[in-house]
mmCIF file of all heavy atoms, coordinates in Angstrom:
data_MODEL
# 
_entry.id   MODEL 
# 
loop_
_atom_site.group_PDB 
_atom_site.id 
_atom_site.type_symbol 
_atom_site.label_atom_id 
_atom_site.label_alt_id 
_atom_site.label_comp_id 
_atom_site.label_asym_id 
_atom_site.label_entity_id 
_atom_site.label_seq_id 
_atom_site.pdbx_PDB_ins_code 
_atom_site.Cartn_x 
_atom_site.Cartn_y 
_atom_site.Cartn_z 
_atom_site.occupancy 
_atom_site.B_iso_or_equiv 
_atom_site.pdbx_formal_charge 
_atom_site.auth_seq_id 
_atom_site.auth_comp_id 
_atom_site.auth_asym_id 
_atom_site.auth_atom_id 
_atom_site.pdbx_PDB_model_num 
ATOM 1   N N   . ASP A 1 1  ? 81.807  90.470  96.739  1.00 0.00 ? 1  ASP A N   1 
ATOM 2   C CA  . ASP A 1 1  ? 81.585  91.571  97.666  1.00 0.00 ? 1  ASP A CA  1 
ATOM 3   C C   . ASP A 1 1  ? 82.690  92.621  97.644  1.00 0.00 ? 1  ASP A C   1 
ATOM 4   O O   . ASP A 1 1  ? 82.617  93.624  98.358  1.00 0.00 ? 1  ASP A O   1 
ATOM 5   C CB  . ASP A 1 1  ? 81.434  91.033  99.095  1.00 0.00 ? 1  ASP A CB  1 
ATOM 6   C CG  . ASP A 1 1  ? 80.055  90.435  99.343  1.00 0.00 ? 1  ASP A CG  1 
ATOM 7   O OD1 . ASP A 1 1  ? 79.139  90.730  98.552  1.00 0.00 ? 1  ASP A OD1 1 
ATOM 8   O OD2 . ASP A 1 1  ? 79.898  89.676  100.313 1.00 0.00 ? 1  ASP A OD2 1 
ATOM 9   N N   . ASN A 1 2  ? 83.710  92.396  96.848  1.00 0.00 ? 2  ASN A N   1 
ATOM 10  C CA  . ASN A 1 2  ? 84.748  93.407  96.670  1.00 0.00 ? 2  ASN A CA  1 
ATOM 11  C C   . ASN A 1 2  ? 84.096  94.684  96.136  1.00 0.00 ? 2  ASN A C   1 
ATOM 12  O O   . ASN A 1 2  ? 83.222  94.632  95.265  1.00 0.00 ? 2  ASN A O   1 
ATOM 13  C CB  . ASN A 1 2  ? 85.789  92.888  95.675  1.00 0.00 ? 2  ASN A CB  1 
ATOM 14  C CG  . ASN A 1 2  ? 87.038  93.745  95.595  1.00 0.00 ? 2  ASN A CG  1 
ATOM 15  O OD1 . ASN A 1 2  ? 86.973  94.958  95.522  1.00 0.00 ? 2  ASN A OD1 1 
ATOM 16  N ND2 . ASN A 1 2  ? 88.178  93.087  95.588  1.00 0.00 ? 2  ASN A ND2 1 
ATOM 17  N N   . ILE A 1 3  ? 84.522  95.844  96.624  1.00 0.00 ? 3  ILE A N   1 
ATOM 18  C CA  . ILE A 1 3  ? 83.877  97.089  96.197  1.00 0.00 ? 3  ILE A CA  1 
ATOM 19  C C   . ILE A 1 3  ? 83.933  97.280  94.688  1.00 0.00 ? 3  ILE A C   1 
ATOM 20  O O   . ILE A 1 3  ? 83.014  97.868  94.099  1.00 0.00 ? 3  ILE A O   1 
ATOM 21  C CB  . ILE A 1 3  ? 84.465  98.324  96.919  1.00 0.00 ? 3  ILE A CB  1 
ATOM 22  C CG1 . ILE A 1 3  ? 85.981  98.425  96.718  1.00 0.00 ? 3  ILE A CG1 1 
ATOM 23  C CG2 . ILE A 1 3  ? 84.114  98.284  98.400  1.00 0.00 ? 3  ILE A CG2 1 
ATOM 24  C CD1 . ILE A 1 3  ? 86.596  99.675  97.342  1.00 0.00 ? 3  ILE A CD1 1 
ATOM 25  N N   . ILE A 1 4  ? 84.987  96.773  94.018  1.00 0.00 ? 4  ILE A N   1 
ATOM 26  C CA  . ILE A 1 4  ? 85.076  96.958  92.568  1.00 0.00 ? 4  ILE A CA  1 
ATOM 27  C C   . ILE A 1 4  ? 84.058  96.124  91.817  1.00 0.00 ? 4  ILE A C   1 
ATOM 28  O O   . ILE A 1 4  ? 83.746  96.412  90.657  1.00 0.00 ? 4  ILE A O   1 
ATOM 29  C CB  . ILE A 1 4  ? 86.490  96.650  92.036  1.00 0.00 ? 4  ILE A CB  1 
ATOM 30  C CG1 . ILE A 1 4  ? 86.875  95.190  92.290  1.00 0.00 ? 4  ILE A CG1 1 
ATOM 31  C CG2 . ILE A 1 4  ? 87.510  97.614  92.606  1.00 0.00 ? 4  ILE A CG2 1 
ATOM 32  C CD1 . ILE A 1 4  ? 88.137  94.746  91.574  1.00 0.00 ? 4  ILE A CD1 1 
ATOM 33  N N   . ASN A 1 5  ? 83.527  95.098  92.464  1.00 0.00 ? 5  ASN A N   1 
ATOM 34  C CA  . ASN A 1 5  ? 82.559  94.219  91.799  1.00 0.00 ? 5  ASN A CA  1 
ATOM 35  C C   . ASN A 1 5  ? 81.115  94.540  92.159  1.00 0.00 ? 5  ASN A C   1 
ATOM 36  O O   . ASN A 1 5  ? 80.213  93.772  91.837  1.00 0.00 ? 5  ASN A O   1 
ATOM 37  C CB  . ASN A 1 5  ? 82.886  92.759  92.116  1.00 0.00 ? 5  ASN A CB  1 
ATOM 38  C CG  . ASN A 1 5  ? 84.218  92.339  91.517  1.00 0.00 ? 5  ASN A CG  1 
ATOM 39  O OD1 . ASN A 1 5  ? 84.581  92.802  90.442  1.00 0.00 ? 5  ASN A OD1 1 
ATOM 40  N ND2 . ASN A 1 5  ? 84.945  91.501  92.221  1.00 0.00 ? 5  ASN A ND2 1 
ATOM 41  N N   . ARG A 1 6  ? 80.905  95.685  92.781  1.00 0.00 ? 6  ARG A N   1 
ATOM 42  C CA  . ARG A 1 6  ? 79.552  96.142  93.094  1.00 0.00 ? 6  ARG A CA  1 
ATOM 43  C C   . ARG A 1 6  ? 79.078  97.204  92.108  1.00 0.00 ? 6  ARG A C   1 
ATOM 44  O O   . ARG A 1 6  ? 78.060  97.847  92.320  1.00 0.00 ? 6  ARG A O   1 
ATOM 45  C CB  . ARG A 1 6  ? 79.492  96.707  94.521  1.00 0.00 ? 6  ARG A CB  1 
ATOM 46  C CG  . ARG A 1 6  ? 79.829  95.694  95.603  1.00 0.00 ? 6  ARG A CG  1 
ATOM 47  C CD  . ARG A 1 6  ? 79.695  96.312  96.980  1.00 0.00 ? 6  ARG A CD  1 
ATOM 48  N NE  . ARG A 1 6  ? 80.692  95.789  97.896  1.00 0.00 ? 6  ARG A NE  1 
ATOM 49  C CZ  . ARG A 1 6  ? 81.032  96.361  99.041  1.00 0.00 ? 6  ARG A CZ  1 
ATOM 50  N NH1 . ARG A 1 6  ? 80.455  97.504  99.400  1.00 0.00 ? 6  ARG A NH1 1 
ATOM 51  N NH2 . ARG A 1 6  ? 81.943  95.827  99.813  1.00 0.00 ? 6  ARG A NH2 1 
ATOM 52  N N   . VAL A 1 7  ? 79.834  97.401  91.041  1.00 0.00 ? 7  VAL A N   1 
ATOM 53  C CA  . VAL A 1 7  ? 79.463  98.378  90.018  1.00 0.00 ? 7  VAL A CA  1 
ATOM 54  C C   . VAL A 1 7  ? 79.060  97.620  88.753  1.00 0.00 ? 7  VAL A C   1 
ATOM 55  O O   . VAL A 1 7  ? 79.411  96.447  88.585  1.00 0.00 ? 7  VAL A O   1 
ATOM 56  C CB  . VAL A 1 7  ? 80.620  99.363  89.746  1.00 0.00 ? 7  VAL A CB  1 
ATOM 57  C CG1 . VAL A 1 7  ? 81.055  100.045 91.034  1.00 0.00 ? 7  VAL A CG1 1 
ATOM 58  C CG2 . VAL A 1 7  ? 81.807  98.662  89.094  1.00 0.00 ? 7  VAL A CG2 1 
ATOM 59  N N   . PRO A 1 8  ? 78.313  98.259  87.838  1.00 0.00 ? 8  PRO A N   1 
ATOM 60  C CA  . PRO A 1 8  ? 77.720  97.523  86.708  1.00 0.00 ? 8  PRO A CA  1 
ATOM 61  C C   . PRO A 1 8  ? 78.709  96.727  85.863  1.00 0.00 ? 8  PRO A C   1 
ATOM 62  O O   . PRO A 1 8  ? 78.428  95.588  85.472  1.00 0.00 ? 8  PRO A O   1 
ATOM 63  C CB  . PRO A 1 8  ? 77.049  98.637  85.890  1.00 0.00 ? 8  PRO A CB  1 
ATOM 64  C CG  . PRO A 1 8  ? 76.697  99.673  86.902  1.00 0.00 ? 8  PRO A CG  1 
ATOM 65  C CD  . PRO A 1 8  ? 77.817  99.657  87.899  1.00 0.00 ? 8  PRO A CD  1 
ATOM 66  N N   . LYS A 1 9  ? 79.859  97.304  85.537  1.00 0.00 ? 9  LYS A N   1 
ATOM 67  C CA  . LYS A 1 9  ? 80.814  96.617  84.662  1.00 0.00 ? 9  LYS A CA  1 
ATOM 68  C C   . LYS A 1 9  ? 81.994  96.019  85.431  1.00 0.00 ? 9  LYS A C   1 
ATOM 69  O O   . LYS A 1 9  ? 83.001  95.648  84.843  1.00 0.00 ? 9  LYS A O   1 
ATOM 70  C CB  . LYS A 1 9  ? 81.308  97.561  83.569  1.00 0.00 ? 9  LYS A CB  1 
ATOM 71  C CG  . LYS A 1 9  ? 80.208  97.932  82.573  1.00 0.00 ? 9  LYS A CG  1 
ATOM 72  C CD  . LYS A 1 9  ? 80.774  98.622  81.357  1.00 0.00 ? 9  LYS A CD  1 
ATOM 73  C CE  . LYS A 1 9  ? 79.698  98.858  80.296  1.00 0.00 ? 9  LYS A CE  1 
ATOM 74  N NZ  . LYS A 1 9  ? 80.241  99.506  79.085  1.00 0.00 ? 9  LYS A NZ  1 
ATOM 75  N N   . LYS A 1 10 ? 81.831  95.913  86.754  1.00 0.00 ? 10 LYS A N   1 
ATOM 76  C CA  . LYS A 1 10 ? 82.838  95.306  87.612  1.00 0.00 ? 10 LYS A CA  1 
ATOM 77  C C   . LYS A 1 10 ? 84.138  96.130  87.585  1.00 0.00 ? 10 LYS A C   1 
ATOM 78  O O   . LYS A 1 10 ? 84.128  97.286  87.236  1.00 0.00 ? 10 LYS A O   1 
ATOM 79  C CB  . LYS A 1 10 ? 83.097  93.839  87.241  1.00 0.00 ? 10 LYS A CB  1 
ATOM 80  C CG  . LYS A 1 10 ? 81.818  93.034  87.097  1.00 0.00 ? 10 LYS A CG  1 
ATOM 81  C CD  . LYS A 1 10 ? 80.946  93.077  88.333  1.00 0.00 ? 10 LYS A CD  1 
ATOM 82  C CE  . LYS A 1 10 ? 79.664  92.284  88.151  1.00 0.00 ? 10 LYS A CE  1 
ATOM 83  N NZ  . LYS A 1 10 ? 78.712  92.493  89.268  1.00 0.00 ? 10 LYS A NZ  1 
ATOM 84  N N   . GLY A 1 11 ? 85.253  95.514  87.973  1.00 0.00 ? 11 GLY A N   1 
ATOM 85  C CA  . GLY A 1 11 ? 86.436  96.347  88.092  1.00 0.00 ? 11 GLY A CA  1 
ATOM 86  C C   . GLY A 1 11 ? 87.751  95.609  88.068  1.00 0.00 ? 11 GLY A C   1 
ATOM 87  O O   . GLY A 1 11 ? 87.837  94.407  87.802  1.00 0.00 ? 11 GLY A O   1 
ATOM 88  N N   . VAL A 1 12 ? 88.808  96.389  88.376  1.00 0.00 ? 12 VAL A N   1 
ATOM 89  C CA  . VAL A 1 12 ? 90.196  95.935  88.343  1.00 0.00 ? 12 VAL A CA  1 
ATOM 90  C C   . VAL A 1 12 ? 90.825  96.245  89.696  1.00 0.00 ? 12 VAL A C   1 
ATOM 91  O O   . VAL A 1 12 ? 90.685  97.356  90.202  1.00 0.00 ? 12 VAL A O   1 
ATOM 92  C CB  . VAL A 1 12 ? 90.999  96.672  87.246  1.00 0.00 ? 12 VAL A CB  1 
ATOM 93  C CG1 . VAL A 1 12 ? 92.439  96.170  87.201  1.00 0.00 ? 12 VAL A CG1 1 
ATOM 94  C CG2 . VAL A 1 12 ? 90.315  96.549  85.896  1.00 0.00 ? 12 VAL A CG2 1 
ATOM 95  N N   . GLN A 1 13 ? 91.523  95.273  90.269  1.00 0.00 ? 13 GLN A N   1 
ATOM 96  C CA  . GLN A 1 13 ? 92.278  95.497  91.497  1.00 0.00 ? 13 GLN A CA  1 
ATOM 97  C C   . GLN A 1 13 ? 93.752  95.441  91.169  1.00 0.00 ? 13 GLN A C   1 
ATOM 98  O O   . GLN A 1 13 ? 94.248  94.447  90.639  1.00 0.00 ? 13 GLN A O   1 
ATOM 99  C CB  . GLN A 1 13 ? 91.928  94.448  92.550  1.00 0.00 ? 13 GLN A CB  1 
ATOM 100 C CG  . GLN A 1 13 ? 92.651  94.657  93.884  1.00 0.00 ? 13 GLN A CG  1 
ATOM 101 C CD  . GLN A 1 13 ? 92.004  93.889  95.010  1.00 0.00 ? 13 GLN A CD  1 
ATOM 102 O OE1 . GLN A 1 13 ? 90.790  93.951  95.209  1.00 0.00 ? 13 GLN A OE1 1 
ATOM 103 N NE2 . GLN A 1 13 ? 92.804  93.161  95.772  1.00 0.00 ? 13 GLN A NE2 1 
ATOM 104 N N   . ILE A 1 14 ? 94.462  96.526  91.495  1.00 0.00 ? 14 ILE A N   1 
ATOM 105 C CA  . ILE A 1 14 ? 95.891  96.632  91.231  1.00 0.00 ? 14 ILE A CA  1 
ATOM 106 C C   . ILE A 1 14 ? 96.630  96.610  92.561  1.00 0.00 ? 14 ILE A C   1 
ATOM 107 O O   . ILE A 1 14 ? 96.358  97.424  93.440  1.00 0.00 ? 14 ILE A O   1 
ATOM 108 C CB  . ILE A 1 14 ? 96.212  97.921  90.455  1.00 0.00 ? 14 ILE A CB  1 
ATOM 109 C CG1 . ILE A 1 14 ? 95.498  97.918  89.092  1.00 0.00 ? 14 ILE A CG1 1 
ATOM 110 C CG2 . ILE A 1 14 ? 97.717  98.089  90.278  1.00 0.00 ? 14 ILE A CG2 1 
ATOM 111 C CD1 . ILE A 1 14 ? 95.579  99.233  88.357  1.00 0.00 ? 14 ILE A CD1 1 
ATOM 112 N N   . GLU A 1 15 ? 97.549  95.664  92.707  1.00 0.00 ? 15 GLU A N   1 
ATOM 113 C CA  . GLU A 1 15 ? 98.335  95.504  93.929  1.00 0.00 ? 15 GLU A CA  1 
ATOM 114 C C   . GLU A 1 15 ? 99.785  95.882  93.636  1.00 0.00 ? 15 GLU A C   1 
ATOM 115 O O   . GLU A 1 15 ? 100.453 95.239  92.832  1.00 0.00 ? 15 GLU A O   1 
ATOM 116 C CB  . GLU A 1 15 ? 98.255  94.069  94.433  1.00 0.00 ? 15 GLU A CB  1 
ATOM 117 C CG  . GLU A 1 15 ? 96.875  93.641  94.910  1.00 0.00 ? 15 GLU A CG  1 
ATOM 118 C CD  . GLU A 1 15 ? 96.596  94.059  96.350  1.00 0.00 ? 15 GLU A CD  1 
ATOM 119 O OE1 . GLU A 1 15 ? 97.528  94.594  97.002  1.00 0.00 ? 15 GLU A OE1 1 
ATOM 120 O OE2 . GLU A 1 15 ? 95.448  93.851  96.812  1.00 0.00 ? 15 GLU A OE2 1 
ATOM 121 N N   . LEU A 1 16 ? 100.259 96.923  94.315  1.00 0.00 ? 16 LEU A N   1 
ATOM 122 C CA  . LEU A 1 16 ? 101.579 97.469  94.042  1.00 0.00 ? 16 LEU A CA  1 
ATOM 123 C C   . LEU A 1 16 ? 102.565 97.128  95.157  1.00 0.00 ? 16 LEU A C   1 
ATOM 124 O O   . LEU A 1 16 ? 102.239 97.251  96.336  1.00 0.00 ? 16 LEU A O   1 
ATOM 125 C CB  . LEU A 1 16 ? 101.492 98.995  93.912  1.00 0.00 ? 16 LEU A CB  1 
ATOM 126 C CG  . LEU A 1 16 ? 100.516 99.529  92.863  1.00 0.00 ? 16 LEU A CG  1 
ATOM 127 C CD1 . LEU A 1 16 ? 100.434 101.050 92.968  1.00 0.00 ? 16 LEU A CD1 1 
ATOM 128 C CD2 . LEU A 1 16 ? 100.940 99.102  91.471  1.00 0.00 ? 16 LEU A CD2 1 
ATOM 129 N N   . PRO A 1 17 ? 103.788 96.727  94.810  1.00 0.00 ? 17 PRO A N   1 
ATOM 130 C CA  . PRO A 1 17 ? 104.794 96.453  95.831  1.00 0.00 ? 17 PRO A CA  1 
ATOM 131 C C   . PRO A 1 17 ? 105.258 97.739  96.514  1.00 0.00 ? 17 PRO A C   1 
ATOM 132 O O   . PRO A 1 17 ? 105.142 98.834  95.958  1.00 0.00 ? 17 PRO A O   1 
ATOM 133 C CB  . PRO A 1 17 ? 105.936 95.802  95.037  1.00 0.00 ? 17 PRO A CB  1 
ATOM 134 C CG  . PRO A 1 17 ? 105.789 96.346  93.656  1.00 0.00 ? 17 PRO A CG  1 
ATOM 135 C CD  . PRO A 1 17 ? 104.304 96.513  93.446  1.00 0.00 ? 17 PRO A CD  1 
ATOM 136 N N   . ARG A 1 18 ? 105.793 97.577  97.707  1.00 0.00 ? 18 ARG A N   1 
ATOM 137 C CA  . ARG A 1 18 ? 106.179 98.743  98.494  1.00 0.00 ? 18 ARG A CA  1 
ATOM 138 C C   . ARG A 1 18 ? 107.230 99.605  97.800  1.00 0.00 ? 18 ARG A C   1 
ATOM 139 O O   . ARG A 1 18 ? 107.164 100.840 97.850  1.00 0.00 ? 18 ARG A O   1 
ATOM 140 C CB  . ARG A 1 18 ? 106.692 98.289  99.872  1.00 0.00 ? 18 ARG A CB  1 
ATOM 141 C CG  . ARG A 1 18 ? 107.080 99.439  100.807 1.00 0.00 ? 18 ARG A CG  1 
ATOM 142 C CD  . ARG A 1 18 ? 105.891 100.340 101.112 1.00 0.00 ? 18 ARG A CD  1 
ATOM 143 N NE  . ARG A 1 18 ? 106.265 101.527 101.832 1.00 0.00 ? 18 ARG A NE  1 
ATOM 144 C CZ  . ARG A 1 18 ? 106.085 101.693 103.152 1.00 0.00 ? 18 ARG A CZ  1 
ATOM 145 N NH1 . ARG A 1 18 ? 105.563 100.715 103.875 1.00 0.00 ? 18 ARG A NH1 1 
ATOM 146 N NH2 . ARG A 1 18 ? 106.420 102.809 103.748 1.00 0.00 ? 18 ARG A NH2 1 
ATOM 147 N N   . ALA A 1 19 ? 108.204 98.981  97.157  1.00 0.00 ? 19 ALA A N   1 
ATOM 148 C CA  . ALA A 1 19 ? 109.263 99.754  96.512  1.00 0.00 ? 19 ALA A CA  1 
ATOM 149 C C   . ALA A 1 19 ? 108.704 100.722 95.473  1.00 0.00 ? 19 ALA A C   1 
ATOM 150 O O   . ALA A 1 19 ? 109.153 101.866 95.359  1.00 0.00 ? 19 ALA A O   1 
ATOM 151 C CB  . ALA A 1 19 ? 110.284 98.812  95.866  1.00 0.00 ? 19 ALA A CB  1 
ATOM 152 N N   . LEU A 1 20 ? 107.707 100.275 94.720  1.00 0.00 ? 20 LEU A N   1 
ATOM 153 C CA  . LEU A 1 20 ? 107.086 101.143 93.718  1.00 0.00 ? 20 LEU A CA  1 
ATOM 154 C C   . LEU A 1 20 ? 106.290 102.252 94.407  1.00 0.00 ? 20 LEU A C   1 
ATOM 155 O O   . LEU A 1 20 ? 106.361 103.416 94.027  1.00 0.00 ? 20 LEU A O   1 
ATOM 156 C CB  . LEU A 1 20 ? 106.193 100.313 92.791  1.00 0.00 ? 20 LEU A CB  1 
ATOM 157 C CG  . LEU A 1 20 ? 105.761 100.956 91.470  1.00 0.00 ? 20 LEU A CG  1 
ATOM 158 C CD1 . LEU A 1 20 ? 105.297 99.883  90.498  1.00 0.00 ? 20 LEU A CD1 1 
ATOM 159 C CD2 . LEU A 1 20 ? 104.656 101.986 91.656  1.00 0.00 ? 20 LEU A CD2 1 
ATOM 160 N N   . ARG A 1 21 ? 105.548 101.883 95.450  1.00 0.00 ? 21 ARG A N   1 
ATOM 161 C CA  . ARG A 1 21 ? 104.741 102.883 96.159  1.00 0.00 ? 21 ARG A CA  1 
ATOM 162 C C   . ARG A 1 21 ? 105.592 103.940 96.843  1.00 0.00 ? 21 ARG A C   1 
ATOM 163 O O   . ARG A 1 21 ? 105.172 105.093 96.989  1.00 0.00 ? 21 ARG A O   1 
ATOM 164 C CB  . ARG A 1 21 ? 103.831 102.185 97.176  1.00 0.00 ? 21 ARG A CB  1 
ATOM 165 C CG  . ARG A 1 21 ? 102.742 101.358 96.527  1.00 0.00 ? 21 ARG A CG  1 
ATOM 166 C CD  . ARG A 1 21 ? 101.813 100.743 97.544  1.00 0.00 ? 21 ARG A CD  1 
ATOM 167 N NE  . ARG A 1 21 ? 102.363 99.582  98.219  1.00 0.00 ? 21 ARG A NE  1 
ATOM 168 C CZ  . ARG A 1 21 ? 102.580 99.469  99.517  1.00 0.00 ? 21 ARG A CZ  1 
ATOM 169 N NH1 . ARG A 1 21 ? 102.301 100.494 100.328 1.00 0.00 ? 21 ARG A NH1 1 
ATOM 170 N NH2 . ARG A 1 21 ? 103.064 98.362  100.040 1.00 0.00 ? 21 ARG A NH2 1 
ATOM 171 N N   . ASP A 1 22 ? 106.792 103.554 97.259  1.00 0.00 ? 22 ASP A N   1 
ATOM 172 C CA  . ASP A 1 22 ? 107.691 104.523 97.898  1.00 0.00 ? 22 ASP A CA  1 
ATOM 173 C C   . ASP A 1 22 ? 108.055 105.659 96.952  1.00 0.00 ? 22 ASP A C   1 
ATOM 174 O O   . ASP A 1 22 ? 108.428 106.753 97.406  1.00 0.00 ? 22 ASP A O   1 
ATOM 175 C CB  . ASP A 1 22 ? 108.967 103.823 98.371  1.00 0.00 ? 22 ASP A CB  1 
ATOM 176 C CG  . ASP A 1 22 ? 108.757 103.050 99.665  1.00 0.00 ? 22 ASP A CG  1 
ATOM 177 O OD1 . ASP A 1 22 ? 107.721 103.264 100.333 1.00 0.00 ? 22 ASP A OD1 1 
ATOM 178 O OD2 . ASP A 1 22 ? 109.624 102.221 100.007 1.00 0.00 ? 22 ASP A OD2 1 
ATOM 179 N N   . GLU A 1 23 ? 107.929 105.418 95.644  1.00 0.00 ? 23 GLU A N   1 
ATOM 180 C CA  . GLU A 1 23 ? 108.229 106.469 94.662  1.00 0.00 ? 23 GLU A CA  1 
ATOM 181 C C   . GLU A 1 23 ? 107.044 107.409 94.428  1.00 0.00 ? 23 GLU A C   1 
ATOM 182 O O   . GLU A 1 23 ? 107.117 108.284 93.566  1.00 0.00 ? 23 GLU A O   1 
ATOM 183 C CB  . GLU A 1 23 ? 108.686 105.833 93.348  1.00 0.00 ? 23 GLU A CB  1 
ATOM 184 C CG  . GLU A 1 23 ? 110.010 105.086 93.468  1.00 0.00 ? 23 GLU A CG  1 
ATOM 185 C CD  . GLU A 1 23 ? 110.576 104.691 92.124  1.00 0.00 ? 23 GLU A CD  1 
ATOM 186 O OE1 . GLU A 1 23 ? 111.223 105.540 91.466  1.00 0.00 ? 23 GLU A OE1 1 
ATOM 187 O OE2 . GLU A 1 23 ? 110.372 103.527 91.722  1.00 0.00 ? 23 GLU A OE2 1 
ATOM 188 N N   . ALA A 1 24 ? 105.982 107.215 95.202  1.00 0.00 ? 24 ALA A N   1 
ATOM 189 C CA  . ALA A 1 24 ? 104.831 108.119 95.116  1.00 0.00 ? 24 ALA A CA  1 
ATOM 190 C C   . ALA A 1 24 ? 104.750 109.056 96.311  1.00 0.00 ? 24 ALA A C   1 
ATOM 191 O O   . ALA A 1 24 ? 103.871 109.916 96.372  1.00 0.00 ? 24 ALA A O   1 
ATOM 192 C CB  . ALA A 1 24 ? 103.533 107.311 95.016  1.00 0.00 ? 24 ALA A CB  1 
ATOM 193 N N   . VAL A 1 25 ? 105.643 108.897 97.279  1.00 0.00 ? 25 VAL A N   1 
ATOM 194 C CA  . VAL A 1 25 ? 105.633 109.690 98.505  1.00 0.00 ? 25 VAL A CA  1 
ATOM 195 C C   . VAL A 1 25 ? 107.034 110.233 98.758  1.00 0.00 ? 25 VAL A C   1 
ATOM 196 O O   . VAL A 1 25 ? 108.009 109.483 98.700  1.00 0.00 ? 25 VAL A O   1 
ATOM 197 C CB  . VAL A 1 25 ? 105.192 108.812 99.709  1.00 0.00 ? 25 VAL A CB  1 
ATOM 198 C CG1 . VAL A 1 25 ? 105.143 109.644 100.981 1.00 0.00 ? 25 VAL A CG1 1 
ATOM 199 C CG2 . VAL A 1 25 ? 103.837 108.161 99.449  1.00 0.00 ? 25 VAL A CG2 1 
ATOM 200 N N   . PRO A 1 26 ? 107.202 111.545 99.032  1.00 0.00 ? 26 PRO A N   1 
ATOM 201 C CA  . PRO A 1 26 ? 106.148 112.557 99.130  1.00 0.00 ? 26 PRO A CA  1 
ATOM 202 C C   . PRO A 1 26 ? 105.702 113.122 97.781  1.00 0.00 ? 26 PRO A C   1 
ATOM 203 O O   . PRO A 1 26 ? 104.697 113.797 97.697  1.00 0.00 ? 26 PRO A O   1 
ATOM 204 C CB  . PRO A 1 26 ? 106.819 113.640 99.979  1.00 0.00 ? 26 PRO A CB  1 
ATOM 205 C CG  . PRO A 1 26 ? 108.273 113.547 99.608  1.00 0.00 ? 26 PRO A CG  1 
ATOM 206 C CD  . PRO A 1 26 ? 108.532 112.089 99.375  1.00 0.00 ? 26 PRO A CD  1 
ATOM 207 N N   . ALA A 1 27 ? 106.468 112.853 96.737  1.00 0.00 ? 27 ALA A N   1 
ATOM 208 C CA  . ALA A 1 27 ? 106.088 113.325 95.404  1.00 0.00 ? 27 ALA A CA  1 
ATOM 209 C C   . ALA A 1 27 ? 106.214 112.165 94.427  1.00 0.00 ? 27 ALA A C   1 
ATOM 210 O O   . ALA A 1 27 ? 107.098 111.311 94.563  1.00 0.00 ? 27 ALA A O   1 
ATOM 211 C CB  . ALA A 1 27 ? 106.990 114.474 94.962  1.00 0.00 ? 27 ALA A CB  1 
ATOM 212 N N   . ILE A 1 28 ? 105.325 112.145 93.436  1.00 0.00 ? 28 ILE A N   1 
ATOM 213 C CA  . ILE A 1 28 ? 105.329 111.047 92.463  1.00 0.00 ? 28 ILE A CA  1 
ATOM 214 C C   . ILE A 1 28 ? 106.503 111.199 91.505  1.00 0.00 ? 28 ILE A C   1 
ATOM 215 O O   . ILE A 1 28 ? 106.709 112.253 90.910  1.00 0.00 ? 28 ILE A O   1 
ATOM 216 C CB  . ILE A 1 28 ? 103.992 111.008 91.705  1.00 0.00 ? 28 ILE A CB  1 
ATOM 217 C CG1 . ILE A 1 28 ? 102.862 110.645 92.674  1.00 0.00 ? 28 ILE A CG1 1 
ATOM 218 C CG2 . ILE A 1 28 ? 104.040 110.011 90.552  1.00 0.00 ? 28 ILE A CG2 1 
ATOM 219 C CD1 . ILE A 1 28 ? 101.494 110.678 92.070  1.00 0.00 ? 28 ILE A CD1 1 
ATOM 220 N N   . ARG A 1 29 ? 107.267 110.114 91.374  1.00 0.00 ? 29 ARG A N   1 
ATOM 221 C CA  . ARG A 1 29 ? 108.481 110.159 90.557  1.00 0.00 ? 29 ARG A CA  1 
ATOM 222 C C   . ARG A 1 29 ? 108.799 108.753 90.065  1.00 0.00 ? 29 ARG A C   1 
ATOM 223 O O   . ARG A 1 29 ? 108.154 107.782 90.470  1.00 0.00 ? 29 ARG A O   1 
ATOM 224 C CB  . ARG A 1 29 ? 109.653 110.708 91.387  1.00 0.00 ? 29 ARG A CB  1 
ATOM 225 C CG  . ARG A 1 29 ? 110.001 109.822 92.580  1.00 0.00 ? 29 ARG A CG  1 
ATOM 226 C CD  . ARG A 1 29 ? 110.794 110.557 93.653  1.00 0.00 ? 29 ARG A CD  1 
ATOM 227 N NE  . ARG A 1 29 ? 111.200 109.653 94.729  1.00 0.00 ? 29 ARG A NE  1 
ATOM 228 C CZ  . ARG A 1 29 ? 110.397 109.284 95.729  1.00 0.00 ? 29 ARG A CZ  1 
ATOM 229 N NH1 . ARG A 1 29 ? 109.152 109.726 95.793  1.00 0.00 ? 29 ARG A NH1 1 
ATOM 230 N NH2 . ARG A 1 29 ? 110.852 108.475 96.667  1.00 0.00 ? 29 ARG A NH2 1 
ATOM 231 N N   . GLY A 1 30 ? 109.778 108.634 89.206  1.00 0.00 ? 30 GLY A N   1 
ATOM 232 C CA  . GLY A 1 30 ? 110.289 107.346 88.775  1.00 0.00 ? 30 GLY A CA  1 
ATOM 233 C C   . GLY A 1 30 ? 109.209 106.409 88.247  1.00 0.00 ? 30 GLY A C   1 
ATOM 234 O O   . GLY A 1 30 ? 108.360 106.786 87.431  1.00 0.00 ? 30 GLY A O   1 
# 
């Protein structure tokens, strides 16, 4: 029932740690 698995070829779920995500706000860097 994951939204990525409701499409014909299924999907990929990527889980990112906070430290990495912090480099996307306010501008994407690093």
